[in-house]
Amino acid sequence: MRVVQDANRSYSVGRLTTEAQVNTFIQTALVNITDSAVVTATEGNGSIRTLVTVPTNDLAAIGFISALTSATLAVQSEHIVEY
């Protein structure tokens, strides 16, 4: 969640200037956790909204609970664009 919020904040103040840069920022930050993250950042109506999905079987702690290994974790955040 923190990575998504940081990326959205960076976009909202102009440090990141494209949706592709938001995607790259998040995927780079998550590379040590998963290489299967799907990132979708979209700007509209004066805000940046980002959705990240990760297969739970990529998360080590979840592996202990076999019922959750076929699920997908989704994190979404929206931030008002300030620039």
Protein backbone atom coordinates (compact mmCIF):
# COMPACT_ATOMS: atom_id res chain seq x y z
CA MET A 1 0.00 0.00 0.00
CA ARG A 2 2.81 2.38 0.91
CA VAL A 3 4.52 1.93 -2.47
CA VAL A 4 1.28 2.68 -4.32
CA GLN A 5 0.64 5.77 -2.21
CA ASP A 6 4.21 7.00 -2.73
CA ALA A 7 3.90 6.58 -6.50
CA ASN A 8 0.55 8.37 -6.61
CA ARG A 9 1.89 11.21 -4.47
CA SER A 10 4.93 11.57 -6.73
CA TYR A 11 2.61 11.80 -9.73
CA SER A 12 0.27 14.24 -8.01
CA VAL A 13 3.07 16.75 -7.42
CA GLY A 14 4.78 16.25 -10.80
CA ARG A 15 7.83 14.17 -9.81
CA LEU A 16 6.46 11.40 -12.03
CA THR A 17 4.84 12.76 -15.18
CA THR A 18 3.27 9.77 -16.94
CA GLU A 19 1.18 6.79 -15.98
CA ALA A 20 3.96 4.58 -17.36
CA GLN A 21 6.42 6.13 -14.88
CA VAL A 22 4.01 5.34 -12.04
CA ASN A 23 3.83 1.72 -13.22
CA THR A 24 7.61 1.44 -13.46
CA PHE A 25 8.13 3.04 -10.03
CA ILE A 26 5.82 0.50 -8.40
CA GLN A 27 7.13 -2.55 -10.26
CA THR A 28 10.71 -1.58 -9.42
CA ALA A 29 9.84 -1.15 -5.74
CA LEU A 30 8.11 -4.54 -5.62
CA VAL A 31 10.72 -6.52 -7.57
CA ASN A 32 12.14 -8.11 -4.38
CA ILE A 33 8.66 -9.32 -3.42
CA THR A 34 7.24 -10.38 -6.77
CA ASP A 35 7.84 -10.14 -10.48
CA SER A 36 4.18 -10.93 -11.12
CA ALA A 37 2.65 -7.63 -9.99
CA VAL A 38 0.17 -6.14 -12.43
CA VAL A 39 0.05 -2.35 -12.15
CA THR A 40 -2.60 -0.14 -13.72
CA ALA A 41 -2.34 3.61 -13.19
CA THR A 42 -4.90 5.95 -14.73
CA GLU A 43 -5.43 9.69 -14.47
CA GLY A 44 -8.89 11.12 -14.74
CA ASN A 45 -11.21 13.65 -13.13
CA GLY A 46 -8.29 15.39 -11.42
CA SER A 47 -6.86 12.32 -9.70
CA ILE A 48 -4.45 9.45 -10.21
CA ARG A 49 -5.86 6.01 -9.41
CA THR A 50 -3.59 2.99 -9.24
CA LEU A 51 -4.49 -0.67 -8.88
CA VAL A 52 -1.86 -3.31 -8.12
CA THR A 53 -2.59 -7.03 -8.08
CA VAL A 54 -0.19 -9.68 -6.80
CA PRO A 55 -0.68 -13.45 -6.64
CA THR A 56 -0.75 -14.40 -2.96
CA ASN A 57 1.50 -17.39 -3.57
CA ASP A 58 4.30 -14.84 -4.21
CA LEU A 59 3.98 -13.67 -0.60
CA ALA A 60 6.03 -15.97 1.68
CA ALA A 61 3.86 -15.62 4.79
CA ILE A 62 0.71 -16.52 2.85
CA GLY A 63 2.28 -19.82 1.72
CA PHE A 64 1.64 -21.26 5.16
CA ILE A 65 -2.11 -21.02 4.58
CA SER A 66 -2.75 -23.27 1.60
CA ALA A 67 -6.30 -21.99 1.03
CA LEU A 68 -4.90 -18.57 0.11
CA THR A 69 -2.24 -19.69 -2.37
CA SER A 70 -4.56 -19.40 -5.37
CA ALA A 71 -5.92 -15.95 -4.46
CA THR A 72 -4.90 -12.52 -5.69
CA LEU A 73 -4.15 -9.57 -3.44
CA ALA A 74 -5.38 -6.23 -4.78
CA VAL A 75 -4.31 -2.80 -3.53
CA GLN A 76 -5.86 0.37 -4.88
CA SER A 77 -5.17 3.99 -4.05
CA GLU A 78 -6.36 7.31 -5.43
CA HIS A 79 -4.72 10.69 -5.01
CA ILE A 80 -5.76 14.18 -6.12
CA VAL A 81 -3.44 15.67 -8.75
CA GLU A 82 -2.09 18.94 -7.36
CA TYR A 83 -0.09 20.41 -10.21
